[in-house]
């Protein structure tokens, strides 16, 4: 009788991790992740309320019945790193459009107050 477990439905789309120890700060775990054509070392950590996600993936892990040391990975959400502008000259632009509009209302366009 065939097994209908997720790992048997499509052997080419496997995505598994194996834990290999705690992170240096003890807040997460070091893992080795295997996917088709890729073998990666990384970390998994619990989500923390109020802490931003900069890049990476939010995943859920399910222990495999056929290999208890391995966990199936299900990607819940992928967080892309913000794109870096390569051609930027001068200081960072930190003023928003609203800030500039308020500046112009207060000091007028082309004010020489700072000159």
C-alpha atoms as a PDB file:
ATOM      1  CA  UNK A   1       0.000   0.000   0.000  1.00  0.00           C
ATOM      2  CA  UNK A   2       1.552   3.369  -1.029  1.00  0.00           C
ATOM      3  CA  UNK A   3       2.344   5.948   1.637  1.00  0.00           C
ATOM      4  CA  UNK A   4       0.624   9.316   1.045  1.00  0.00           C
ATOM      5  CA  UNK A   5       3.079  11.314   3.148  1.00  0.00           C
ATOM      6  CA  UNK A   6       4.240  14.668   1.690  1.00  0.00           C
ATOM      7  CA  UNK A   7       7.825  13.493   1.131  1.00  0.00           C
ATOM      8  CA  UNK A   8       6.625  10.618  -1.102  1.00  0.00           C
ATOM      9  CA  UNK A   9       4.303  12.686  -3.326  1.00  0.00           C
ATOM     10  CA  UNK A  10       7.113  14.511  -5.119  1.00  0.00           C
ATOM     11  CA  UNK A  11      10.631  13.314  -4.364  1.00  0.00           C
ATOM     12  CA  UNK A  12      12.100  16.069  -6.569  1.00  0.00           C
ATOM     13  CA  UNK A  13      10.683  18.853  -4.370  1.00  0.00           C
ATOM     14  CA  UNK A  14      12.194  17.787  -1.048  1.00  0.00           C
ATOM     15  CA  UNK A  15      13.183  20.470   1.439  1.00  0.00           C
ATOM     16  CA  UNK A  16      14.533  19.154   4.742  1.00  0.00           C
ATOM     17  CA  UNK A  17      16.658  20.346   7.659  1.00  0.00           C
ATOM     18  CA  UNK A  18      18.767  18.542  10.216  1.00  0.00           C
ATOM     19  CA  UNK A  19      19.610  20.224  13.515  1.00  0.00           C
ATOM     20  CA  UNK A  20      23.285  20.302  14.420  1.00  0.00           C
ATOM     21  CA  UNK A  21      23.430  22.366  17.612  1.00  0.00           C
ATOM     22  CA  UNK A  22      22.485  25.606  19.327  1.00  0.00           C
ATOM     23  CA  UNK A  23      23.463  29.045  18.074  1.00  0.00           C
ATOM     24  CA  UNK A  24      26.194  30.906  19.982  1.00  0.00           C
ATOM     25  CA  UNK A  25      23.634  33.005  21.857  1.00  0.00           C
ATOM     26  CA  UNK A  26      21.469  29.949  22.604  1.00  0.00           C
ATOM     27  CA  UNK A  27      18.364  31.606  21.142  1.00  0.00           C
ATOM     28  CA  UNK A  28      18.197  29.450  18.012  1.00  0.00           C
ATOM     29  CA  UNK A  29      19.516  26.315  16.382  1.00  0.00           C
ATOM     30  CA  UNK A  30      22.125  25.691  13.709  1.00  0.00           C
ATOM     31  CA  UNK A  31      20.823  23.577  10.843  1.00  0.00           C
ATOM     32  CA  UNK A  32      21.875  21.972   7.598  1.00  0.00           C
ATOM     33  CA  UNK A  33      19.221  22.364   4.903  1.00  0.00           C
ATOM     34  CA  UNK A  34      18.958  20.200   1.790  1.00  0.00           C
ATOM     35  CA  UNK A  35      16.877  21.095  -1.263  1.00  0.00           C
ATOM     36  CA  UNK A  36      17.151  19.996  -4.881  1.00  0.00           C
ATOM     37  CA  UNK A  37      20.573  21.116  -6.090  1.00  0.00           C
ATOM     38  CA  UNK A  38      21.463  22.943  -2.864  1.00  0.00           C
ATOM     39  CA  UNK A  39      22.976  22.149   0.517  1.00  0.00           C
ATOM     40  CA  UNK A  40      23.086  25.051   2.973  1.00  0.00           C
ATOM     41  CA  UNK A  41      24.139  25.745   6.547  1.00  0.00           C
ATOM     42  CA  UNK A  42      22.008  28.224   8.463  1.00  0.00           C
ATOM     43  CA  UNK A  43      20.071  29.049  11.586  1.00  0.00           C
ATOM     44  CA  UNK A  44      16.466  28.832  12.680  1.00  0.00           C
ATOM     45  CA  UNK A  45      15.094  31.086  15.392  1.00  0.00           C
ATOM     46  CA  UNK A  46      11.651  31.618  16.868  1.00  0.00           C
ATOM     47  CA  UNK A  47       9.722  34.672  15.688  1.00  0.00           C
ATOM     48  CA  UNK A  48       9.799  37.538  18.182  1.00  0.00           C
ATOM     49  CA  UNK A  49       6.883  39.939  18.401  1.00  0.00           C
ATOM     50  CA  UNK A  50       7.895  43.453  17.426  1.00  0.00           C
ATOM     51  CA  UNK A  51      11.229  42.405  15.934  1.00  0.00           C
ATOM     52  CA  UNK A  52      11.475  43.128  12.190  1.00  0.00           C
ATOM     53  CA  UNK A  53      12.327  40.451   9.659  1.00  0.00           C
ATOM     54  CA  UNK A  54      15.131  41.770   7.470  1.00  0.00           C
ATOM     55  CA  UNK A  55      15.640  38.829   5.112  1.00  0.00           C
ATOM     56  CA  UNK A  56      15.097  35.078   5.059  1.00  0.00           C
ATOM     57  CA  UNK A  57      12.080  32.840   5.362  1.00  0.00           C
ATOM     58  CA  UNK A  58       9.378  32.127   7.903  1.00  0.00           C
ATOM     59  CA  UNK A  59       9.101  28.335   7.980  1.00  0.00           C
ATOM     60  CA  UNK A  60       7.295  25.582   9.793  1.00  0.00           C
ATOM     61  CA  UNK A  61       9.053  22.285  10.475  1.00  0.00           C
ATOM     62  CA  UNK A  62       7.495  18.831  10.661  1.00  0.00           C
ATOM     63  CA  UNK A  63       9.479  15.842  11.902  1.00  0.00           C
ATOM     64  CA  UNK A  64       9.686  13.037   9.343  1.00  0.00           C
ATOM     65  CA  UNK A  65       8.350   9.646  10.380  1.00  0.00           C
ATOM     66  CA  UNK A  66      10.832   7.738   8.202  1.00  0.00           C
ATOM     67  CA  UNK A  67      13.887   9.700   9.470  1.00  0.00           C
ATOM     68  CA  UNK A  68      13.336  11.306  12.904  1.00  0.00           C
ATOM     69  CA  UNK A  69      16.565  13.345  12.643  1.00  0.00           C
ATOM     70  CA  UNK A  70      15.152  15.205   9.605  1.00  0.00           C
ATOM     71  CA  UNK A  71      12.391  17.783   9.451  1.00  0.00           C
ATOM     72  CA  UNK A  72      10.322  18.719   6.388  1.00  0.00           C
ATOM     73  CA  UNK A  73      10.409  22.454   5.716  1.00  0.00           C
ATOM     74  CA  UNK A  74       7.309  24.348   4.659  1.00  0.00           C
ATOM     75  CA  UNK A  75       7.988  27.974   3.698  1.00  0.00           C
ATOM     76  CA  UNK A  76       5.203  30.177   5.094  1.00  0.00           C
ATOM     77  CA  UNK A  77       6.616  33.532   3.952  1.00  0.00           C
ATOM     78  CA  UNK A  78       9.736  34.708   2.128  1.00  0.00           C
ATOM     79  CA  UNK A  79      11.271  38.026   3.206  1.00  0.00           C
ATOM     80  CA  UNK A  80      13.350  39.684   0.505  1.00  0.00           C
ATOM     81  CA  UNK A  81      16.277  41.880   1.524  1.00  0.00           C
ATOM     82  CA  UNK A  82      15.741  45.505   0.515  1.00  0.00           C
ATOM     83  CA  UNK A  83      17.388  46.390  -2.772  1.00  0.00           C
ATOM     84  CA  UNK A  84      20.555  48.417  -2.419  1.00  0.00           C
ATOM     85  CA  UNK A  85      20.952  51.465  -4.642  1.00  0.00           C
ATOM     86  CA  UNK A  86      24.356  51.281  -6.222  1.00  0.00           C
ATOM     87  CA  UNK A  87      24.492  54.760  -7.747  1.00  0.00           C
ATOM     88  CA  UNK A  88      23.812  57.292  -5.038  1.00  0.00           C
ATOM     89  CA  UNK A  89      25.850  60.399  -4.479  1.00  0.00           C
ATOM     90  CA  UNK A  90      25.659  62.618  -1.429  1.00  0.00           C
ATOM     91  CA  UNK A  91      24.029  62.104   1.934  1.00  0.00           C
ATOM     92  CA  UNK A  92      21.063  59.827   2.491  1.00  0.00           C
ATOM     93  CA  UNK A  93      17.652  61.317   1.664  1.00  0.00           C
ATOM     94  CA  UNK A  94      15.809  61.177   4.953  1.00  0.00           C
ATOM     95  CA  UNK A  95      13.153  63.864   4.432  1.00  0.00           C
ATOM     96  CA  UNK A  96       9.746  62.600   3.371  1.00  0.00           C
ATOM     97  CA  UNK A  97       7.482  64.413   0.919  1.00  0.00           C
ATOM     98  CA  UNK A  98       5.311  65.525   3.859  1.00  0.00           C
ATOM     99  CA  UNK A  99       8.342  66.971   5.652  1.00  0.00           C
ATOM    100  CA  UNK A 100       9.405  68.936   2.560  1.00  0.00           C
ATOM    101  CA  UNK A 101       5.863  70.276   2.033  1.00  0.00           C
ATOM    102  CA  UNK A 102       5.701  71.450   5.644  1.00  0.00           C
ATOM    103  CA  UNK A 103       9.151  73.075   5.269  1.00  0.00           C
ATOM    104  CA  UNK A 104       7.991  74.978   2.200  1.00  0.00           C
ATOM    105  CA  UNK A 105       4.771  76.117   3.951  1.00  0.00           C
ATOM    106  CA  UNK A 106       6.772  77.314   6.946  1.00  0.00           C
ATOM    107  CA  UNK A 107       9.832  78.872   5.332  1.00  0.00           C
ATOM    108  CA  UNK A 108       8.727  79.331   1.720  1.00  0.00           C
ATOM    109  CA  UNK A 109      10.276  77.940  -1.418  1.00  0.00           C
ATOM    110  CA  UNK A 110      13.948  78.867  -1.855  1.00  0.00           C
ATOM    111  CA  UNK A 111      14.232  80.403   1.615  1.00  0.00           C
ATOM    112  CA  UNK A 112      17.612  81.802   2.454  1.00  0.00           C
ATOM    113  CA  UNK A 113      17.118  81.154   6.180  1.00  0.00           C
ATOM    114  CA  UNK A 114      19.955  78.651   6.180  1.00  0.00           C
ATOM    115  CA  UNK A 115      22.319  80.641   3.918  1.00  0.00           C
END
